[in-house]
PDB file of N, CA and C in Angstrom:
ATOM      1  N   MET A   1      23.412 -40.252  14.426  1.00  0.00           N
ATOM      2  CA  MET A   1      23.436 -39.496  13.189  1.00  0.00           C
ATOM      3  C   MET A   1      23.033 -38.052  13.494  1.00  0.00           C
ATOM      4  N   LYS A   2      23.794 -37.117  12.946  1.00  0.00           N
ATOM      5  CA  LYS A   2      23.548 -35.706  13.198  1.00  0.00           C
ATOM      6  C   LYS A   2      22.364 -35.216  12.363  1.00  0.00           C
ATOM      7  N   LYS A   3      21.459 -34.496  13.013  1.00  0.00           N
ATOM      8  CA  LYS A   3      20.300 -33.961  12.312  1.00  0.00           C
ATOM      9  C   LYS A   3      20.704 -32.679  11.580  1.00  0.00           C
ATOM     10  N   LEU A   4      20.338 -32.581  10.319  1.00  0.00           N
ATOM     11  CA  LEU A   4      20.676 -31.411   9.526  1.00  0.00           C
ATOM     12  C   LEU A   4      19.740 -30.257   9.851  1.00  0.00           C
ATOM     13  N   LYS A   5      20.299 -29.060   9.848  1.00  0.00           N
ATOM     14  CA  LYS A   5      19.492 -27.868  10.085  1.00  0.00           C
ATOM     15  C   LYS A   5      18.908 -27.401   8.755  1.00  0.00           C
ATOM     16  N   ARG A   6      17.631 -27.155   8.744  1.00  0.00           N
ATOM     17  CA  ARG A   6      16.974 -26.686   7.527  1.00  0.00           C
ATOM     18  C   ARG A   6      16.934 -25.161   7.535  1.00  0.00           C
ATOM     19  N   ILE A   7      17.306 -24.582   6.422  1.00  0.00           N
ATOM     20  CA  ILE A   7      17.324 -23.126   6.308  1.00  0.00           C
ATOM     21  C   ILE A   7      16.096 -22.704   5.514  1.00  0.00           C
ATOM     22  N   ILE A   8      15.306 -21.822   6.114  1.00  0.00           N
ATOM     23  CA  ILE A   8      14.084 -21.331   5.472  1.00  0.00           C
ATOM     24  C   ILE A   8      14.305 -19.871   5.103  1.00  0.00           C
ATOM     25  N   SER A   9      13.886 -19.501   3.911  1.00  0.00           N
ATOM     26  CA  SER A   9      14.071 -18.125   3.456  1.00  0.00           C
ATOM     27  C   SER A   9      13.231 -17.170   4.305  1.00  0.00           C
ATOM     28  N   PRO A  10      13.643 -15.905   4.389  1.00  0.00           N
ATOM     29  CA  PRO A  10      12.869 -14.923   5.154  1.00  0.00           C
ATOM     30  C   PRO A  10      11.436 -14.772   4.639  1.00  0.00           C
ATOM     31  N   LEU A  11      11.256 -14.861   3.323  1.00  0.00           N
ATOM     32  CA  LEU A  11       9.910 -14.755   2.761  1.00  0.00           C
ATOM     33  C   LEU A  11       9.038 -15.922   3.211  1.00  0.00           C
ATOM     34  N   ALA A  12       9.603 -17.131   3.197  1.00  0.00           N
ATOM     35  CA  ALA A  12       8.842 -18.305   3.636  1.00  0.00           C
ATOM     36  C   ALA A  12       8.497 -18.204   5.117  1.00  0.00           C
ATOM     37  N   LYS A  13       9.444 -17.724   5.936  1.00  0.00           N
ATOM     38  CA  LYS A  13       9.165 -17.537   7.365  1.00  0.00           C
ATOM     39  C   LYS A  13       8.025 -16.551   7.575  1.00  0.00           C
ATOM     40  N   LYS A  14       8.066 -15.454   6.802  1.00  0.00           N
ATOM     41  CA  LYS A  14       7.020 -14.430   6.916  1.00  0.00           C
ATOM     42  C   LYS A  14       5.661 -15.008   6.525  1.00  0.00           C
ATOM     43  N   GLN A  15       5.633 -15.769   5.433  1.00  0.00           N
ATOM     44  CA  GLN A  15       4.373 -16.344   4.979  1.00  0.00           C
ATOM     45  C   GLN A  15       3.834 -17.378   5.962  1.00  0.00           C
ATOM     46  N   LEU A  16       4.726 -18.180   6.564  1.00  0.00           N
ATOM     47  CA  LEU A  16       4.282 -19.141   7.576  1.00  0.00           C
ATOM     48  C   LEU A  16       3.708 -18.431   8.791  1.00  0.00           C
ATOM     49  N   LYS A  17       4.347 -17.327   9.201  1.00  0.00           N
ATOM     50  CA  LYS A  17       3.844 -16.570  10.346  1.00  0.00           C
ATOM     51  C   LYS A  17       2.489 -15.948  10.027  1.00  0.00           C
ATOM     52  N   GLU A  18       2.347 -15.378   8.830  1.00  0.00           N
ATOM     53  CA  GLU A  18       1.066 -14.797   8.429  1.00  0.00           C
ATOM     54  C   GLU A  18      -0.028 -15.857   8.392  1.00  0.00           C
ATOM     55  N   LEU A  19       0.305 -17.040   7.887  1.00  0.00           N
ATOM     56  CA  LEU A  19      -0.666 -18.130   7.836  1.00  0.00           C
ATOM     57  C   LEU A  19      -1.056 -18.574   9.238  1.00  0.00           C
ATOM     58  N   LYS A  20      -0.069 -18.654  10.133  1.00  0.00           N
ATOM     59  CA  LYS A  20      -0.348 -19.041  11.516  1.00  0.00           C
ATOM     60  C   LYS A  20      -1.231 -17.994  12.200  1.00  0.00           C
ATOM     61  N   ASP A  21      -0.936 -16.710  11.985  1.00  0.00           N
ATOM     62  CA  ASP A  21      -1.753 -15.643  12.572  1.00  0.00           C
ATOM     63  C   ASP A  21      -3.181 -15.682  12.036  1.00  0.00           C
ATOM     64  N   PHE A  22      -3.315 -15.908  10.731  1.00  0.00           N
ATOM     65  CA  PHE A  22      -4.645 -15.997  10.119  1.00  0.00           C
ATOM     66  C   PHE A  22      -5.440 -17.157  10.711  1.00  0.00           C
ATOM     67  N   ASN A  23      -4.792 -18.331  10.805  1.00  0.00           N
ATOM     68  CA  ASN A  23      -5.475 -19.502  11.365  1.00  0.00           C
ATOM     69  C   ASN A  23      -5.788 -19.324  12.842  1.00  0.00           C
ATOM     70  N   GLN A  24      -4.944 -18.572  13.542  1.00  0.00           N
ATOM     71  CA  GLN A  24      -5.194 -18.318  14.957  1.00  0.00           C
ATOM     72  C   GLN A  24      -6.458 -17.485  15.132  1.00  0.00           C
ATOM     73  N   ILE A  25      -6.648 -16.510  14.276  1.00  0.00           N
ATOM     74  CA  ILE A  25      -7.860 -15.686  14.341  1.00  0.00           C
ATOM     75  C   ILE A  25      -9.077 -16.512  13.941  1.00  0.00           C
ATOM     76  N   LEU A  26      -8.924 -17.318  12.904  1.00  0.00           N
ATOM     77  CA  LEU A  26     -10.052 -18.073  12.363  1.00  0.00           C
ATOM     78  C   LEU A  26     -10.438 -19.271  13.228  1.00  0.00           C
ATOM     79  N   TYR A  27      -9.432 -20.056  13.690  1.00  0.00           N
ATOM     80  CA  TYR A  27      -9.718 -21.320  14.370  1.00  0.00           C
ATOM     81  C   TYR A  27      -9.317 -21.370  15.840  1.00  0.00           C
ATOM     82  N   GLY A  28      -8.499 -20.440  16.304  1.00  0.00           N
ATOM     83  CA  GLY A  28      -8.013 -20.484  17.677  1.00  0.00           C
ATOM     84  C   GLY A  28      -6.569 -20.947  17.733  1.00  0.00           C
ATOM     85  N   THR A  29      -5.962 -20.761  18.897  1.00  0.00           N
ATOM     86  CA  THR A  29      -4.531 -21.018  19.055  1.00  0.00           C
ATOM     87  C   THR A  29      -4.150 -22.482  18.883  1.00  0.00           C
ATOM     88  N   SER A  30      -4.880 -23.383  19.520  1.00  0.00           N
ATOM     89  CA  SER A  30      -4.477 -24.794  19.468  1.00  0.00           C
ATOM     90  C   SER A  30      -4.581 -25.359  18.050  1.00  0.00           C
ATOM     91  N   ARG A  31      -5.652 -25.036  17.347  1.00  0.00           N
ATOM     92  CA  ARG A  31      -5.810 -25.526  15.972  1.00  0.00           C
ATOM     93  C   ARG A  31      -4.782 -24.883  15.042  1.00  0.00           C
ATOM     94  N   ALA A  32      -4.492 -23.595  15.253  1.00  0.00           N
ATOM     95  CA  ALA A  32      -3.484 -22.913  14.436  1.00  0.00           C
ATOM     96  C   ALA A  32      -2.115 -23.560  14.626  1.00  0.00           C
ATOM     97  N   ASN A  33      -1.792 -23.946  15.854  1.00  0.00           N
ATOM     98  CA  ASN A  33      -0.515 -24.623  16.107  1.00  0.00           C
ATOM     99  C   ASN A  33      -0.470 -25.985  15.435  1.00  0.00           C
ATOM    100  N   GLN A  34      -1.590 -26.708  15.448  1.00  0.00           N
ATOM    101  CA  GLN A  34      -1.644 -28.010  14.771  1.00  0.00           C
ATOM    102  C   GLN A  34      -1.378 -27.848  13.277  1.00  0.00           C
ATOM    103  N   ILE A  35      -2.020 -26.865  12.664  1.00  0.00           N
ATOM    104  CA  ILE A  35      -1.849 -26.621  11.230  1.00  0.00           C
ATOM    105  C   ILE A  35      -0.408 -26.215  10.937  1.00  0.00           C
ATOM    106  N   TYR A  36       0.142 -25.335  11.766  1.00  0.00           N
ATOM    107  CA  TYR A  36       1.512 -24.850  11.585  1.00  0.00           C
ATOM    108  C   TYR A  36       2.518 -25.995  11.656  1.00  0.00           C
ATOM    109  N   PHE A  37       2.405 -26.840  12.675  1.00  0.00           N
ATOM    110  CA  PHE A  37       3.353 -27.946  12.817  1.00  0.00           C
ATOM    111  C   PHE A  37       3.144 -29.010  11.738  1.00  0.00           C
ATOM    112  N   SER A  38       1.918 -29.161  11.265  1.00  0.00           N
ATOM    113  CA  SER A  38       1.664 -30.077  10.159  1.00  0.00           C
ATOM    114  C   SER A  38       2.367 -29.593   8.885  1.00  0.00           C
ATOM    115  N   ILE A  39       2.306 -28.299   8.632  1.00  0.00           N
ATOM    116  CA  ILE A  39       2.976 -27.726   7.464  1.00  0.00           C
ATOM    117  C   ILE A  39       4.491 -27.876   7.598  1.00  0.00           C
ATOM    118  N   LYS A  40       5.028 -27.626   8.798  1.00  0.00           N
ATOM    119  CA  LYS A  40       6.475 -27.779   9.008  1.00  0.00           C
ATOM    120  C   LYS A  40       6.908 -29.227   8.808  1.00  0.00           C
ATOM    121  N   ASP A  41       6.091 -30.184   9.266  1.00  0.00           N
ATOM    122  CA  ASP A  41       6.412 -31.599   9.047  1.00  0.00           C
ATOM    123  C   ASP A  41       6.433 -31.932   7.557  1.00  0.00           C
ATOM    124  N   CYS A  42       5.451 -31.402   6.819  1.00  0.00           N
ATOM    125  CA  CYS A  42       5.409 -31.643   5.370  1.00  0.00           C
ATOM    126  C   CYS A  42       6.626 -31.036   4.674  1.00  0.00           C
ATOM    127  N   LEU A  43       7.045 -29.853   5.108  1.00  0.00           N
ATOM    128  CA  LEU A  43       8.240 -29.235   4.534  1.00  0.00           C
ATOM    129  C   LEU A  43       9.480 -30.078   4.797  1.00  0.00           C
ATOM    130  N   GLN A  44       9.568 -30.664   5.986  1.00  0.00           N
ATOM    131  CA  GLN A  44      10.711 -31.519   6.298  1.00  0.00           C
ATOM    132  C   GLN A  44      10.721 -32.763   5.419  1.00  0.00           C
ATOM    133  N   VAL A  45       9.551 -33.345   5.203  1.00  0.00           N
ATOM    134  CA  VAL A  45       9.474 -34.535   4.348  1.00  0.00           C
ATOM    135  C   VAL A  45       9.871 -34.182   2.918  1.00  0.00           C
ATOM    136  N   LEU A  46       9.387 -33.041   2.417  1.00  0.00           N
ATOM    137  CA  LEU A  46       9.714 -32.646   1.045  1.00  0.00           C
ATOM    138  C   LEU A  46      11.190 -32.307   0.874  1.00  0.00           C
ATOM    139  N   THR A  47      11.832 -31.770   1.912  1.00  0.00           N
ATOM    140  CA  THR A  47      13.265 -31.495   1.788  1.00  0.00           C
ATOM    141  C   THR A  47      14.086 -32.775   1.875  1.00  0.00           C
ATOM    142  N   ASP A  48      13.608 -33.752   2.633  1.00  0.00           N
ATOM    143  CA  ASP A  48      14.308 -35.038   2.708  1.00  0.00           C
ATOM    144  C   ASP A  48      14.102 -35.873   1.446  1.00  0.00           C
ATOM    145  N   PHE A  49      12.913 -35.777   0.861  1.00  0.00           N
ATOM    146  CA  PHE A  49      12.560 -36.560  -0.332  1.00  0.00           C
ATOM    147  C   PHE A  49      11.963 -35.633  -1.394  1.00  0.00           C
ATOM    148  N   PRO A  50      12.782 -34.872  -2.113  1.00  0.00           N
ATOM    149  CA  PRO A  50      12.245 -33.906  -3.072  1.00  0.00           C
ATOM    150  C   PRO A  50      11.476 -34.537  -4.225  1.00  0.00           C
ATOM    151  N   GLY A  51      11.658 -35.814  -4.471  1.00  0.00           N
ATOM    152  CA  GLY A  51      10.927 -36.489  -5.538  1.00  0.00           C
ATOM    153  C   GLY A  51       9.458 -36.666  -5.246  1.00  0.00           C
ATOM    154  N   LEU A  52       9.029 -36.347  -4.031  1.00  0.00           N
ATOM    155  CA  LEU A  52       7.615 -36.468  -3.680  1.00  0.00           C
ATOM    156  C   LEU A  52       6.799 -35.274  -4.136  1.00  0.00           C
ATOM    157  N   GLY A  53       7.373 -34.351  -4.870  1.00  0.00           N
ATOM    158  CA  GLY A  53       6.720 -33.125  -5.327  1.00  0.00           C
ATOM    159  C   GLY A  53       5.303 -33.321  -5.817  1.00  0.00           C
ATOM    160  N   TYR A  54       5.012 -32.787  -6.956  1.00  0.00           N
ATOM    161  CA  TYR A  54       3.664 -32.865  -7.503  1.00  0.00           C
ATOM    162  C   TYR A  54       3.306 -34.289  -7.888  1.00  0.00           C
ATOM    163  N   ILE A  55       2.055 -34.647  -7.647  1.00  0.00           N
ATOM    164  CA  ILE A  55       1.568 -35.956  -8.081  1.00  0.00           C
ATOM    165  C   ILE A  55       1.090 -35.859  -9.525  1.00  0.00           C
ATOM    166  N   GLU A  56       0.374 -34.802  -9.830  1.00  0.00           N
ATOM    167  CA  GLU A  56      -0.101 -34.583 -11.196  1.00  0.00           C
ATOM    168  C   GLU A  56       0.505 -33.288 -11.720  1.00  0.00           C
ATOM    169  N   PRO A  57       0.846 -33.240 -12.986  1.00  0.00           N
ATOM    170  CA  PRO A  57       1.436 -32.018 -13.534  1.00  0.00           C
ATOM    171  C   PRO A  57       0.415 -30.886 -13.593  1.00  0.00           C
ATOM    172  N   THR A  58       0.887 -29.669 -13.410  1.00  0.00           N
ATOM    173  CA  THR A  58       0.032 -28.500 -13.564  1.00  0.00           C
ATOM    174  C   THR A  58       0.276 -27.915 -14.945  1.00  0.00           C
ATOM    175  N   LEU A  59      -0.420 -26.861 -15.271  1.00  0.00           N
ATOM    176  CA  LEU A  59      -0.266 -26.252 -16.587  1.00  0.00           C
ATOM    177  C   LEU A  59       1.099 -25.596 -16.761  1.00  0.00           C
ATOM    178  N   GLN A  60       1.744 -25.219 -15.658  1.00  0.00           N
ATOM    179  CA  GLN A  60       3.021 -24.524 -15.751  1.00  0.00           C
ATOM    180  C   GLN A  60       4.222 -25.457 -15.641  1.00  0.00           C
ATOM    181  N   ASP A  61       4.007 -26.713 -15.320  1.00  0.00           N
ATOM    182  CA  ASP A  61       5.113 -27.639 -15.110  1.00  0.00           C
ATOM    183  C   ASP A  61       5.184 -28.675 -16.219  1.00  0.00           C
ATOM    184  N   TYR A  62       6.381 -29.171 -16.436  1.00  0.00           N
ATOM    185  CA  TYR A  62       6.543 -30.281 -17.353  1.00  0.00           C
ATOM    186  C   TYR A  62       6.092 -31.555 -16.656  1.00  0.00           C
ATOM    187  N   PRO A  63       5.460 -32.482 -17.361  1.00  0.00           N
ATOM    188  CA  PRO A  63       4.955 -33.695 -16.716  1.00  0.00           C
ATOM    189  C   PRO A  63       6.037 -34.526 -16.035  1.00  0.00           C
ATOM    190  N   GLN A  64       7.287 -34.421 -16.467  1.00  0.00           N
ATOM    191  CA  GLN A  64       8.340 -35.262 -15.910  1.00  0.00           C
ATOM    192  C   GLN A  64       9.293 -34.487 -15.004  1.00  0.00           C
ATOM    193  N   CYS A  65       8.842 -33.390 -14.420  1.00  0.00           N
ATOM    194  CA  CYS A  65       9.768 -32.539 -13.676  1.00  0.00           C
ATOM    195  C   CYS A  65      10.287 -33.181 -12.395  1.00  0.00           C
ATOM    196  N   PHE A  66       9.607 -34.171 -11.836  1.00  0.00           N
ATOM    197  CA  PHE A  66      10.062 -34.781 -10.598  1.00  0.00           C
ATOM    198  C   PHE A  66      10.392 -36.255 -10.762  1.00  0.00           C
ATOM    199  N   ARG A  67      10.662 -36.689 -11.965  1.00  0.00           N
ATOM    200  CA  ARG A  67      11.017 -38.090 -12.171  1.00  0.00           C
ATOM    201  C   ARG A  67      12.447 -38.332 -11.718  1.00  0.00           C
ATOM    202  N   THR A  68      12.692 -39.497 -11.185  1.00  0.00           N
ATOM    203  CA  THR A  68      14.033 -39.875 -10.750  1.00  0.00           C
ATOM    204  C   THR A  68      14.609 -40.868 -11.744  1.00  0.00           C
ATOM    205  N   PHE A  69      15.835 -40.621 -12.172  1.00  0.00           N
ATOM    206  CA  PHE A  69      16.500 -41.505 -13.108  1.00  0.00           C
ATOM    207  C   PHE A  69      17.706 -42.129 -12.422  1.00  0.00           C
ATOM    208  N   PHE A  70      17.899 -43.403 -12.645  1.00  0.00           N
ATOM    209  CA  PHE A  70      19.013 -44.114 -12.048  1.00  0.00           C
ATOM    210  C   PHE A  70      19.970 -44.557 -13.144  1.00  0.00           C
ATOM    211  N   SER A  71      21.244 -44.508 -12.851  1.00  0.00           N
ATOM    212  CA  SER A  71      22.266 -45.002 -13.758  1.00  0.00           C
ATOM    213  C   SER A  71      22.759 -46.335 -13.213  1.00  0.00           C
ATOM    214  N   ILE A  72      22.581 -47.390 -13.982  1.00  0.00           N
ATOM    215  CA  ILE A  72      22.947 -48.733 -13.530  1.00  0.00           C
ATOM    216  C   ILE A  72      24.031 -49.277 -14.447  1.00  0.00           C
ATOM    217  N   ARG A  73      25.137 -49.720 -13.850  1.00  0.00           N
ATOM    218  CA  ARG A  73      26.213 -50.341 -14.627  1.00  0.00           C
ATOM    219  C   ARG A  73      26.041 -51.847 -14.600  1.00  0.00           C
ATOM    220  N   ILE A  74      26.246 -52.449 -15.757  1.00  0.00           N
ATOM    221  CA  ILE A  74      26.130 -53.911 -15.859  1.00  0.00           C
ATOM    222  C   ILE A  74      27.488 -54.496 -16.146  1.00  0.00           C
TER     223      ILE A  74
END
């Protein structure tokens, strides 16, 4: 099975790099890399399964914004 390429916006790339640089200063290179790859893994899971979004609604979201509905024929 062919692996799909994920496209990340330039803003998201910039923010990930800034976060990695910040963590590198704060925690060191190895820990910053662990955090960075953990975030990338989470992004991959969320793109594969978008229904895993928010667990609890926030004040700005509708409570049912990530519900999945199925159409079943009988």
